[in-house]
């Protein structure tokens, strides 16, 4: 006599916000851009690290986390972003709309 035992898979673990932070591949670059606040205050003219979802740049200005910015890449492409972190003059920005693979390649080609 055999009895069937219903076995259900364990629920998939939910990723923590910490593990979610760097899902996109990041690339060290030196790309000329214009990063400014939405009010037009210039912040930076170079991106030093980029992924589909964000970028790092330098600015001597102290900015609050969450400050909205605009990054203008070459050929007129632009994206809205916000300050995710700042350590000294290094600023990490999260793009509100990620770059496509083609857009990322285009940006990195300079």
PDB file of N, CA and C in Angstrom:
ATOM      1  N   UNK A   1       0.843  -1.173   0.000  1.00  0.00           N
ATOM      2  CA  UNK A   1       0.000   0.000   0.000  1.00  0.00           C
ATOM      3  C   UNK A   1       0.886   1.234   0.000  1.00  0.00           C
ATOM      4  N   UNK A   2       0.702   2.118  -0.953  1.00  0.00           N
ATOM      5  CA  UNK A   2       1.520   3.325  -1.018  1.00  0.00           C
ATOM      6  C   UNK A   2       0.620   4.535  -0.904  1.00  0.00           C
ATOM      7  N   UNK A   3       1.119   5.510  -0.226  1.00  0.00           N
ATOM      8  CA  UNK A   3       0.340   6.743  -0.108  1.00  0.00           C
ATOM      9  C   UNK A   3       1.092   7.854  -0.822  1.00  0.00           C
ATOM     10  N   UNK A   4       0.379   8.611  -1.571  1.00  0.00           N
ATOM     11  CA  UNK A   4       0.988   9.713  -2.311  1.00  0.00           C
ATOM     12  C   UNK A   4       1.067  10.933  -1.410  1.00  0.00           C
ATOM     13  N   UNK A   5       2.229  11.531  -1.395  1.00  0.00           N
ATOM     14  CA  UNK A   5       2.420  12.749  -0.620  1.00  0.00           C
ATOM     15  C   UNK A   5       2.600  13.896  -1.609  1.00  0.00           C
ATOM     16  N   UNK A   6       1.790  14.881  -1.477  1.00  0.00           N
ATOM     17  CA  UNK A   6       1.899  16.039  -2.367  1.00  0.00           C
ATOM     18  C   UNK A   6       3.088  16.881  -1.934  1.00  0.00           C
ATOM     19  N   UNK A   7       4.007  17.064  -2.840  1.00  0.00           N
ATOM     20  CA  UNK A   7       5.182  17.875  -2.551  1.00  0.00           C
ATOM     21  C   UNK A   7       5.090  19.135  -3.404  1.00  0.00           C
ATOM     22  N   UNK A   8       5.147  20.250  -2.735  1.00  0.00           N
ATOM     23  CA  UNK A   8       5.093  21.514  -3.443  1.00  0.00           C
ATOM     24  C   UNK A   8       6.450  22.184  -3.359  1.00  0.00           C
ATOM     25  N   UNK A   9       6.886  22.806  -4.454  1.00  0.00           N
ATOM     26  CA  UNK A   9       8.169  23.493  -4.395  1.00  0.00           C
ATOM     27  C   UNK A   9       8.117  24.663  -3.424  1.00  0.00           C
ATOM     28  N   UNK A  10       9.239  24.905  -2.802  1.00  0.00           N
ATOM     29  CA  UNK A  10       9.332  26.047  -1.888  1.00  0.00           C
ATOM     30  C   UNK A  10       9.212  27.326  -2.698  1.00  0.00           C
ATOM     31  N   UNK A  11       8.616  28.349  -2.123  1.00  0.00           N
ATOM     32  CA  UNK A  11       8.526  29.604  -2.861  1.00  0.00           C
ATOM     33  C   UNK A  11       9.916  30.158  -3.138  1.00  0.00           C
ATOM     34  N   UNK A  12      10.056  30.764  -4.288  1.00  0.00           N
ATOM     35  CA  UNK A  12      11.350  31.351  -4.651  1.00  0.00           C
ATOM     36  C   UNK A  12      11.671  32.482  -3.686  1.00  0.00           C
ATOM     37  N   UNK A  13      12.925  32.567  -3.258  1.00  0.00           N
ATOM     38  CA  UNK A  13      13.269  33.657  -2.345  1.00  0.00           C
ATOM     39  C   UNK A  13      13.160  35.000  -3.059  1.00  0.00           C
ATOM     40  N   UNK A  14      12.674  35.984  -2.339  1.00  0.00           N
ATOM     41  CA  UNK A  14      12.566  37.319  -2.914  1.00  0.00           C
ATOM     42  C   UNK A  14      13.925  37.992  -2.801  1.00  0.00           C
ATOM     43  N   UNK A  15      14.397  38.598  -3.897  1.00  0.00           N
ATOM     44  CA  UNK A  15      15.687  39.265  -3.805  1.00  0.00           C
ATOM     45  C   UNK A  15      15.603  40.457  -2.865  1.00  0.00           C
ATOM     46  N   UNK A  16      16.625  40.641  -2.069  1.00  0.00           N
ATOM     47  CA  UNK A  16      16.652  41.789  -1.175  1.00  0.00           C
ATOM     48  C   UNK A  16      17.038  43.012  -1.987  1.00  0.00           C
ATOM     49  N   UNK A  17      16.693  44.206  -1.506  1.00  0.00           N
ATOM     50  CA  UNK A  17      17.091  45.404  -2.246  1.00  0.00           C
ATOM     51  C   UNK A  17      18.602  45.463  -2.450  1.00  0.00           C
ATOM     52  N   UNK A  18      19.357  44.964  -1.489  1.00  0.00           N
ATOM     53  CA  UNK A  18      20.817  44.969  -1.597  1.00  0.00           C
ATOM     54  C   UNK A  18      21.277  44.105  -2.761  1.00  0.00           C
ATOM     55  N   UNK A  19      20.716  42.902  -2.935  1.00  0.00           N
ATOM     56  CA  UNK A  19      21.148  42.013  -4.010  1.00  0.00           C
ATOM     57  C   UNK A  19      20.625  42.486  -5.360  1.00  0.00           C
ATOM     58  N   UNK A  20      19.625  43.353  -5.339  1.00  0.00           N
ATOM     59  CA  UNK A  20      19.006  43.854  -6.556  1.00  0.00           C
ATOM     60  C   UNK A  20      19.785  45.017  -7.154  1.00  0.00           C
ATOM     61  N   UNK A  21      20.686  45.599  -6.403  1.00  0.00           N
ATOM     62  CA  UNK A  21      21.318  46.851  -6.779  1.00  0.00           C
ATOM     63  C   UNK A  21      22.160  46.758  -8.040  1.00  0.00           C
ATOM     64  N   UNK A  22      22.852  45.663  -8.256  1.00  0.00           N
ATOM     65  CA  UNK A  22      23.794  45.605  -9.360  1.00  0.00           C
ATOM     66  C   UNK A  22      23.506  44.450 -10.292  1.00  0.00           C
ATOM     67  N   UNK A  23      22.310  44.379 -10.796  1.00  0.00           N
ATOM     68  CA  UNK A  23      21.962  43.304 -11.725  1.00  0.00           C
ATOM     69  C   UNK A  23      22.538  43.542 -13.103  1.00  0.00           C
ATOM     70  N   UNK A  24      22.676  44.800 -13.508  1.00  0.00           N
ATOM     71  CA  UNK A  24      23.176  45.126 -14.840  1.00  0.00           C
ATOM     72  C   UNK A  24      24.703  45.181 -14.819  1.00  0.00           C
ATOM     73  N   UNK A  25      25.317  44.706 -15.889  1.00  0.00           N
ATOM     74  CA  UNK A  25      26.770  44.775 -16.008  1.00  0.00           C
ATOM     75  C   UNK A  25      27.204  46.226 -16.067  1.00  0.00           C
ATOM     76  N   UNK A  26      28.291  46.535 -15.358  1.00  0.00           N
ATOM     77  CA  UNK A  26      28.811  47.896 -15.311  1.00  0.00           C
ATOM     78  C   UNK A  26      30.106  47.972 -16.096  1.00  0.00           C
ATOM     79  N   UNK A  27      30.347  49.121 -16.709  1.00  0.00           N
ATOM     80  CA  UNK A  27      31.530  49.314 -17.543  1.00  0.00           C
ATOM     81  C   UNK A  27      32.229  50.612 -17.167  1.00  0.00           C
ATOM     82  N   UNK A  28      33.529  50.543 -16.926  1.00  0.00           N
ATOM     83  CA  UNK A  28      34.322  51.745 -16.704  1.00  0.00           C
ATOM     84  C   UNK A  28      34.529  52.416 -18.051  1.00  0.00           C
ATOM     85  N   UNK A  29      34.203  53.690 -18.131  1.00  0.00           N
ATOM     86  CA  UNK A  29      34.274  54.432 -19.385  1.00  0.00           C
ATOM     87  C   UNK A  29      34.748  55.853 -19.100  1.00  0.00           C
ATOM     88  N   UNK A  30      34.967  56.587 -20.125  1.00  0.00           N
ATOM     89  CA  UNK A  30      35.179  58.029 -20.052  1.00  0.00           C
ATOM     90  C   UNK A  30      34.383  58.613 -21.208  1.00  0.00           C
ATOM     91  N   UNK A  31      33.133  58.968 -20.923  1.00  0.00           N
ATOM     92  CA  UNK A  31      32.212  59.416 -21.955  1.00  0.00           C
ATOM     93  C   UNK A  31      31.806  60.860 -21.663  1.00  0.00           C
ATOM     94  N   UNK A  32      31.963  61.714 -22.667  1.00  0.00           N
ATOM     95  CA  UNK A  32      31.549  63.110 -22.532  1.00  0.00           C
ATOM     96  C   UNK A  32      30.029  63.193 -22.538  1.00  0.00           C
ATOM     97  N   UNK A  33      29.488  63.863 -21.536  1.00  0.00           N
ATOM     98  CA  UNK A  33      28.046  64.038 -21.384  1.00  0.00           C
ATOM     99  C   UNK A  33      27.788  65.410 -20.769  1.00  0.00           C
ATOM    100  N   UNK A  34      26.543  65.739 -20.632  1.00  0.00           N
ATOM    101  CA  UNK A  34      26.135  66.892 -19.834  1.00  0.00           C
ATOM    102  C   UNK A  34      25.167  66.374 -18.790  1.00  0.00           C
ATOM    103  N   UNK A  35      25.563  66.448 -17.525  1.00  0.00           N
ATOM    104  CA  UNK A  35      24.667  66.079 -16.431  1.00  0.00           C
ATOM    105  C   UNK A  35      24.297  67.380 -15.728  1.00  0.00           C
ATOM    106  N   UNK A  36      22.996  67.604 -15.581  1.00  0.00           N
ATOM    107  CA  UNK A  36      22.541  68.821 -14.921  1.00  0.00           C
ATOM    108  C   UNK A  36      21.306  68.514 -14.085  1.00  0.00           C
ATOM    109  N   UNK A  37      21.007  69.418 -13.161  1.00  0.00           N
ATOM    110  CA  UNK A  37      19.753  69.293 -12.421  1.00  0.00           C
ATOM    111  C   UNK A  37      18.629  69.611 -13.392  1.00  0.00           C
ATOM    112  N   UNK A  38      17.410  69.301 -13.030  1.00  0.00           N
ATOM    113  CA  UNK A  38      16.278  69.606 -13.911  1.00  0.00           C
ATOM    114  C   UNK A  38      16.101  71.114 -14.067  1.00  0.00           C
ATOM    115  N   UNK A  39      16.686  71.899 -13.154  1.00  0.00           N
ATOM    116  CA  UNK A  39      16.654  73.360 -13.248  1.00  0.00           C
ATOM    117  C   UNK A  39      17.755  73.911 -14.143  1.00  0.00           C
ATOM    118  N   UNK A  40      18.617  73.020 -14.678  1.00  0.00           N
ATOM    119  CA  UNK A  40      19.666  73.460 -15.586  1.00  0.00           C
ATOM    120  C   UNK A  40      21.015  73.722 -14.947  1.00  0.00           C
ATOM    121  N   UNK A  41      21.167  73.473 -13.651  1.00  0.00           N
ATOM    122  CA  UNK A  41      22.446  73.680 -12.975  1.00  0.00           C
ATOM    123  C   UNK A  41      23.423  72.577 -13.400  1.00  0.00           C
ATOM    124  N   UNK A  42      24.546  72.927 -14.075  1.00  0.00           N
ATOM    125  CA  UNK A  42      25.476  71.893 -14.535  1.00  0.00           C
ATOM    126  C   UNK A  42      26.170  71.186 -13.376  1.00  0.00           C
ATOM    127  N   UNK A  43      26.286  69.861 -13.500  1.00  0.00           N
ATOM    128  CA  UNK A  43      26.912  69.057 -12.451  1.00  0.00           C
ATOM    129  C   UNK A  43      28.177  68.362 -12.915  1.00  0.00           C
ATOM    130  N   UNK A  44      28.161  67.821 -14.122  1.00  0.00           N
ATOM    131  CA  UNK A  44      29.288  67.031 -14.587  1.00  0.00           C
ATOM    132  C   UNK A  44      29.313  67.000 -16.109  1.00  0.00           C
ATOM    133  N   UNK A  45      30.508  66.740 -16.659  1.00  0.00           N
ATOM    134  CA  UNK A  45      30.617  66.624 -18.113  1.00  0.00           C
ATOM    135  C   UNK A  45      31.237  65.297 -18.533  1.00  0.00           C
ATOM    136  N   UNK A  46      31.304  64.346 -17.584  1.00  0.00           N
ATOM    137  CA  UNK A  46      31.877  63.038 -17.905  1.00  0.00           C
ATOM    138  C   UNK A  46      31.229  61.942 -17.065  1.00  0.00           C
ATOM    139  N   UNK A  47      30.891  60.844 -17.732  1.00  0.00           N
ATOM    140  CA  UNK A  47      30.439  59.632 -17.056  1.00  0.00           C
ATOM    141  C   UNK A  47      31.646  58.703 -16.974  1.00  0.00           C
ATOM    142  N   UNK A  48      31.911  58.160 -15.787  1.00  0.00           N
ATOM    143  CA  UNK A  48      33.094  57.311 -15.600  1.00  0.00           C
ATOM    144  C   UNK A  48      32.750  55.834 -15.434  1.00  0.00           C
ATOM    145  N   UNK A  49      31.473  55.522 -15.300  1.00  0.00           N
ATOM    146  CA  UNK A  49      31.032  54.149 -15.147  1.00  0.00           C
ATOM    147  C   UNK A  49      29.581  54.122 -15.590  1.00  0.00           C
ATOM    148  N   UNK A  50      29.197  53.086 -16.337  1.00  0.00           N
ATOM    149  CA  UNK A  50      27.824  53.068 -16.849  1.00  0.00           C
ATOM    150  C   UNK A  50      27.296  51.645 -16.919  1.00  0.00           C
ATOM    151  N   UNK A  51      25.993  51.531 -16.778  1.00  0.00           N
ATOM    152  CA  UNK A  51      25.273  50.278 -17.004  1.00  0.00           C
ATOM    153  C   UNK A  51      23.960  50.668 -17.671  1.00  0.00           C
ATOM    154  N   UNK A  52      23.160  49.694 -17.994  1.00  0.00           N
ATOM    155  CA  UNK A  52      21.857  49.985 -18.597  1.00  0.00           C
ATOM    156  C   UNK A  52      20.962  50.761 -17.641  1.00  0.00           C
ATOM    157  N   UNK A  53      21.191  50.608 -16.337  1.00  0.00           N
ATOM    158  CA  UNK A  53      20.286  51.217 -15.367  1.00  0.00           C
ATOM    159  C   UNK A  53      20.833  52.443 -14.642  1.00  0.00           C
ATOM    160  N   UNK A  54      22.105  52.777 -14.858  1.00  0.00           N
ATOM    161  CA  UNK A  54      22.631  53.930 -14.149  1.00  0.00           C
ATOM    162  C   UNK A  54      24.042  54.288 -14.561  1.00  0.00           C
ATOM    163  N   UNK A  55      24.594  55.299 -13.892  1.00  0.00           N
ATOM    164  CA  UNK A  55      25.934  55.751 -14.211  1.00  0.00           C
ATOM    165  C   UNK A  55      26.570  56.435 -13.000  1.00  0.00           C
ATOM    166  N   UNK A  56      27.890  56.589 -13.082  1.00  0.00           N
ATOM    167  CA  UNK A  56      28.640  57.322 -12.064  1.00  0.00           C
ATOM    168  C   UNK A  56      29.323  58.492 -12.746  1.00  0.00           C
ATOM    169  N   UNK A  57      29.330  59.627 -12.058  1.00  0.00           N
ATOM    170  CA  UNK A  57      30.033  60.800 -12.546  1.00  0.00           C
ATOM    171  C   UNK A  57      30.657  61.503 -11.341  1.00  0.00           C
ATOM    172  N   UNK A  58      31.360  62.588 -11.593  1.00  0.00           N
ATOM    173  CA  UNK A  58      31.996  63.373 -10.530  1.00  0.00           C
ATOM    174  C   UNK A  58      31.403  64.769 -10.517  1.00  0.00           C
ATOM    175  N   UNK A  59      31.214  65.290  -9.310  1.00  0.00           N
ATOM    176  CA  UNK A  59      30.769  66.667  -9.161  1.00  0.00           C
ATOM    177  C   UNK A  59      31.205  67.169  -7.796  1.00  0.00           C
ATOM    178  N   UNK A  60      31.779  68.363  -7.741  1.00  0.00           N
ATOM    179  CA  UNK A  60      32.174  68.917  -6.446  1.00  0.00           C
ATOM    180  C   UNK A  60      30.980  69.400  -5.621  1.00  0.00           C
ATOM    181  N   UNK A  61      29.812  69.458  -6.241  1.00  0.00           N
ATOM    182  CA  UNK A  61      28.624  69.943  -5.557  1.00  0.00           C
ATOM    183  C   UNK A  61      28.007  68.854  -4.678  1.00  0.00           C
ATOM    184  N   UNK A  62      27.654  69.198  -3.459  1.00  0.00           N
ATOM    185  CA  UNK A  62      26.965  68.262  -2.567  1.00  0.00           C
ATOM    186  C   UNK A  62      25.490  68.224  -2.954  1.00  0.00           C
ATOM    187  N   UNK A  63      24.987  67.024  -3.193  1.00  0.00           N
ATOM    188  CA  UNK A  63      23.607  66.863  -3.643  1.00  0.00           C
ATOM    189  C   UNK A  63      22.865  65.887  -2.751  1.00  0.00           C
ATOM    190  N   UNK A  64      21.588  66.108  -2.585  1.00  0.00           N
ATOM    191  CA  UNK A  64      20.773  65.206  -1.785  1.00  0.00           C
ATOM    192  C   UNK A  64      20.420  63.961  -2.572  1.00  0.00           C
ATOM    193  N   UNK A  65      20.372  62.835  -1.875  1.00  0.00           N
ATOM    194  CA  UNK A  65      19.881  61.598  -2.470  1.00  0.00           C
ATOM    195  C   UNK A  65      18.462  61.855  -2.950  1.00  0.00           C
ATOM    196  N   UNK A  66      18.151  61.400  -4.174  1.00  0.00           N
ATOM    197  CA  UNK A  66      16.819  61.605  -4.732  1.00  0.00           C
ATOM    198  C   UNK A  66      16.708  62.814  -5.635  1.00  0.00           C
ATOM    199  N   UNK A  67      17.745  63.685  -5.654  1.00  0.00           N
ATOM    200  CA  UNK A  67      17.727  64.846  -6.539  1.00  0.00           C
ATOM    201  C   UNK A  67      17.586  64.382  -7.983  1.00  0.00           C
ATOM    202  N   UNK A  68      16.654  64.978  -8.707  1.00  0.00           N
ATOM    203  CA  UNK A  68      16.445  64.593 -10.112  1.00  0.00           C
ATOM    204  C   UNK A  68      17.444  65.320 -11.002  1.00  0.00           C
ATOM    205  N   UNK A  69      17.980  64.572 -11.967  1.00  0.00           N
ATOM    206  CA  UNK A  69      18.953  65.119 -12.910  1.00  0.00           C
ATOM    207  C   UNK A  69      18.596  64.678 -14.320  1.00  0.00           C
ATOM    208  N   UNK A  70      19.244  65.328 -15.266  1.00  0.00           N
ATOM    209  CA  UNK A  70      19.117  64.955 -16.676  1.00  0.00           C
ATOM    210  C   UNK A  70      20.514  64.714 -17.201  1.00  0.00           C
ATOM    211  N   UNK A  71      20.707  63.597 -17.912  1.00  0.00           N
ATOM    212  CA  UNK A  71      21.986  63.326 -18.569  1.00  0.00           C
ATOM    213  C   UNK A  71      21.747  63.396 -20.072  1.00  0.00           C
ATOM    214  N   UNK A  72      22.585  64.166 -20.741  1.00  0.00           N
ATOM    215  CA  UNK A  72      22.506  64.307 -22.199  1.00  0.00           C
ATOM    216  C   UNK A  72      23.726  63.622 -22.793  1.00  0.00           C
ATOM    217  N   UNK A  73      23.474  62.550 -23.519  1.00  0.00           N
ATOM    218  CA  UNK A  73      24.529  61.823 -24.212  1.00  0.00           C
ATOM    219  C   UNK A  73      24.702  62.439 -25.600  1.00  0.00           C
ATOM    220  N   UNK A  74      25.690  61.969 -26.343  1.00  0.00           N
ATOM    221  CA  UNK A  74      25.899  62.473 -27.704  1.00  0.00           C
ATOM    222  C   UNK A  74      24.702  62.119 -28.590  1.00  0.00           C
ATOM    223  N   UNK A  75      24.621  62.741 -29.711  1.00  0.00           N
ATOM    224  CA  UNK A  75      23.546  62.539 -30.687  1.00  0.00           C
ATOM    225  C   UNK A  75      22.167  62.899 -30.141  1.00  0.00           C
ATOM    226  N   UNK A  76      22.137  63.727 -29.095  1.00  0.00           N
ATOM    227  CA  UNK A  76      20.864  64.215 -28.576  1.00  0.00           C
ATOM    228  C   UNK A  76      20.110  63.273 -27.665  1.00  0.00           C
ATOM    229  N   UNK A  77      20.630  62.071 -27.413  1.00  0.00           N
ATOM    230  CA  UNK A  77      19.926  61.147 -26.517  1.00  0.00           C
ATOM    231  C   UNK A  77      20.026  61.656 -25.081  1.00  0.00           C
ATOM    232  N   UNK A  78      18.925  61.619 -24.378  1.00  0.00           N
ATOM    233  CA  UNK A  78      18.928  62.060 -22.987  1.00  0.00           C
ATOM    234  C   UNK A  78      18.036  61.175 -22.147  1.00  0.00           C
ATOM    235  N   UNK A  79      18.333  61.176 -20.865  1.00  0.00           N
ATOM    236  CA  UNK A  79      17.541  60.388 -19.913  1.00  0.00           C
ATOM    237  C   UNK A  79      17.416  61.179 -18.613  1.00  0.00           C
ATOM    238  N   UNK A  80      16.304  60.990 -17.963  1.00  0.00           N
ATOM    239  CA  UNK A  80      16.127  61.511 -16.606  1.00  0.00           C
ATOM    240  C   UNK A  80      16.657  60.461 -15.634  1.00  0.00           C
ATOM    241  N   UNK A  81      17.186  60.931 -14.529  1.00  0.00           N
ATOM    242  CA  UNK A  81      17.752  60.044 -13.517  1.00  0.00           C
ATOM    243  C   UNK A  81      17.595  60.718 -12.158  1.00  0.00           C
ATOM    244  N   UNK A  82      18.013  60.024 -11.123  1.00  0.00           N
ATOM    245  CA  UNK A  82      18.046  60.628  -9.795  1.00  0.00           C
ATOM    246  C   UNK A  82      19.316  60.179  -9.083  1.00  0.00           C
ATOM    247  N   UNK A  83      19.746  60.999  -8.137  1.00  0.00           N
ATOM    248  CA  UNK A  83      20.943  60.690  -7.357  1.00  0.00           C
ATOM    249  C   UNK A  83      20.616  59.538  -6.415  1.00  0.00           C
ATOM    250  N   UNK A  84      21.337  58.429  -6.563  1.00  0.00           N
ATOM    251  CA  UNK A  84      21.138  57.270  -5.695  1.00  0.00           C
ATOM    252  C   UNK A  84      22.094  57.322  -4.505  1.00  0.00           C
ATOM    253  N   UNK A  85      23.291  57.881  -4.728  1.00  0.00           N
ATOM    254  CA  UNK A  85      24.289  58.003  -3.660  1.00  0.00           C
ATOM    255  C   UNK A  85      25.347  59.027  -4.043  1.00  0.00           C
ATOM    256  N   UNK A  86      26.039  59.555  -3.039  1.00  0.00           N
ATOM    257  CA  UNK A  86      27.180  60.423  -3.272  1.00  0.00           C
ATOM    258  C   UNK A  86      28.207  60.157  -2.182  1.00  0.00           C
ATOM    259  N   UNK A  87      29.427  59.905  -2.606  1.00  0.00           N
ATOM    260  CA  UNK A  87      30.556  59.721  -1.691  1.00  0.00           C
ATOM    261  C   UNK A  87      31.648  60.670  -2.165  1.00  0.00           C
ATOM    262  N   UNK A  88      31.909  61.706  -1.399  1.00  0.00           N
ATOM    263  CA  UNK A  88      32.859  62.723  -1.840  1.00  0.00           C
ATOM    264  C   UNK A  88      32.344  63.363  -3.108  1.00  0.00           C
ATOM    265  N   UNK A  89      33.166  63.339  -4.162  1.00  0.00           N
ATOM    266  CA  UNK A  89      32.756  63.909  -5.439  1.00  0.00           C
ATOM    267  C   UNK A  89      32.195  62.864  -6.401  1.00  0.00           C
ATOM    268  N   UNK A  90      32.136  61.602  -5.994  1.00  0.00           N
ATOM    269  CA  UNK A  90      31.544  60.551  -6.829  1.00  0.00           C
ATOM    270  C   UNK A  90      30.044  60.504  -6.592  1.00  0.00           C
ATOM    271  N   UNK A  91      29.296  60.508  -7.691  1.00  0.00           N
ATOM    272  CA  UNK A  91      27.836  60.475  -7.623  1.00  0.00           C
ATOM    273  C   UNK A  91      27.336  59.290  -8.432  1.00  0.00           C
ATOM    274  N   UNK A  92      26.453  58.498  -7.836  1.00  0.00           N
ATOM    275  CA  UNK A  92      25.805  57.402  -8.537  1.00  0.00           C
ATOM    276  C   UNK A  92      24.380  57.795  -8.878  1.00  0.00           C
ATOM    277  N   UNK A  93      24.019  57.642 -10.139  1.00  0.00           N
ATOM    278  CA  UNK A  93      22.685  58.021 -10.594  1.00  0.00           C
ATOM    279  C   UNK A  93      21.954  56.812 -11.161  1.00  0.00           C
ATOM    280  N   UNK A  94      20.696  56.724 -10.871  1.00  0.00           N
ATOM    281  CA  UNK A  94      19.837  55.658 -11.375  1.00  0.00           C
ATOM    282  C   UNK A  94      18.952  56.237 -12.470  1.00  0.00           C
ATOM    283  N   UNK A  95      18.991  55.638 -13.648  1.00  0.00           N
ATOM    284  CA  UNK A  95      18.156  56.095 -14.759  1.00  0.00           C
ATOM    285  C   UNK A  95      16.703  55.722 -14.511  1.00  0.00           C
ATOM    286  N   UNK A  96      15.797  56.632 -14.806  1.00  0.00           N
ATOM    287  CA  UNK A  96      14.375  56.332 -14.647  1.00  0.00           C
ATOM    288  C   UNK A  96      13.896  55.356 -15.707  1.00  0.00           C
ATOM    289  N   UNK A  97      14.512  55.404 -16.889  1.00  0.00           N
ATOM    290  CA  UNK A  97      14.209  54.449 -17.956  1.00  0.00           C
ATOM    291  C   UNK A  97      15.538  53.877 -18.418  1.00  0.00           C
ATOM    292  N   UNK A  98      15.755  52.580 -18.212  1.00  0.00           N
ATOM    293  CA  UNK A  98      17.051  51.976 -18.569  1.00  0.00           C
ATOM    294  C   UNK A  98      17.378  52.137 -20.049  1.00  0.00           C
ATOM    295  N   UNK A  99      18.663  52.110 -20.329  1.00  0.00           N
ATOM    296  CA  UNK A  99      19.129  52.125 -21.716  1.00  0.00           C
ATOM    297  C   UNK A  99      18.916  50.745 -22.322  1.00  0.00           C
ATOM    298  N   UNK A 100      18.562  50.700 -23.588  1.00  0.00           N
ATOM    299  CA  UNK A 100      18.502  49.422 -24.287  1.00  0.00           C
ATOM    300  C   UNK A 100      19.933  48.961 -24.555  1.00  0.00           C
ATOM    301  N   UNK A 101      20.114  47.732 -24.943  1.00  0.00           N
ATOM    302  CA  UNK A 101      21.455  47.215 -25.256  1.00  0.00           C
ATOM    303  C   UNK A 101      22.084  48.029 -26.380  1.00  0.00           C
ATOM    304  N   UNK A 102      21.304  48.395 -27.391  1.00  0.00           N
ATOM    305  CA  UNK A 102      21.824  49.198 -28.503  1.00  0.00           C
ATOM    306  C   UNK A 102      22.211  50.602 -28.041  1.00  0.00           C
ATOM    307  N   UNK A 103      21.386  51.205 -27.207  1.00  0.00           N
ATOM    308  CA  UNK A 103      21.696  52.550 -26.695  1.00  0.00           C
ATOM    309  C   UNK A 103      22.954  52.517 -25.837  1.00  0.00           C
ATOM    310  N   UNK A 104      23.089  51.509 -24.988  1.00  0.00           N
ATOM    311  CA  UNK A 104      24.270  51.386 -24.143  1.00  0.00           C
ATOM    312  C   UNK A 104      25.529  51.235 -24.996  1.00  0.00           C
ATOM    313  N   UNK A 105      25.463  50.403 -26.015  1.00  0.00           N
ATOM    314  CA  UNK A 105      26.605  50.232 -26.935  1.00  0.00           C
ATOM    315  C   UNK A 105      26.946  51.541 -27.621  1.00  0.00           C
ATOM    316  N   UNK A 106      25.929  52.269 -28.040  1.00  0.00           N
ATOM    317  CA  UNK A 106      26.123  53.545 -28.714  1.00  0.00           C
ATOM    318  C   UNK A 106      26.787  54.562 -27.782  1.00  0.00           C
ATOM    319  N   UNK A 107      26.321  54.628 -26.546  1.00  0.00           N
ATOM    320  CA  UNK A 107      26.901  55.542 -25.564  1.00  0.00           C
ATOM    321  C   UNK A 107      28.362  55.191 -25.299  1.00  0.00           C
ATOM    322  N   UNK A 108      28.649  53.913 -25.138  1.00  0.00           N
ATOM    323  CA  UNK A 108      30.020  53.487 -24.838  1.00  0.00           C
ATOM    324  C   UNK A 108      30.956  53.709 -26.017  1.00  0.00           C
ATOM    325  N   UNK A 109      30.410  53.715 -27.234  1.00  0.00           N
ATOM    326  CA  UNK A 109      31.238  53.961 -28.410  1.00  0.00           C
ATOM    327  C   UNK A 109      31.646  55.429 -28.477  1.00  0.00           C
ATOM    328  N   UNK A 110      30.931  56.261 -27.731  1.00  0.00           N
ATOM    329  CA  UNK A 110      31.301  57.649 -27.588  1.00  0.00           C
ATOM    330  C   UNK A 110      30.914  58.513 -28.695  1.00  0.00           C
TER     331      UNK A 110
END
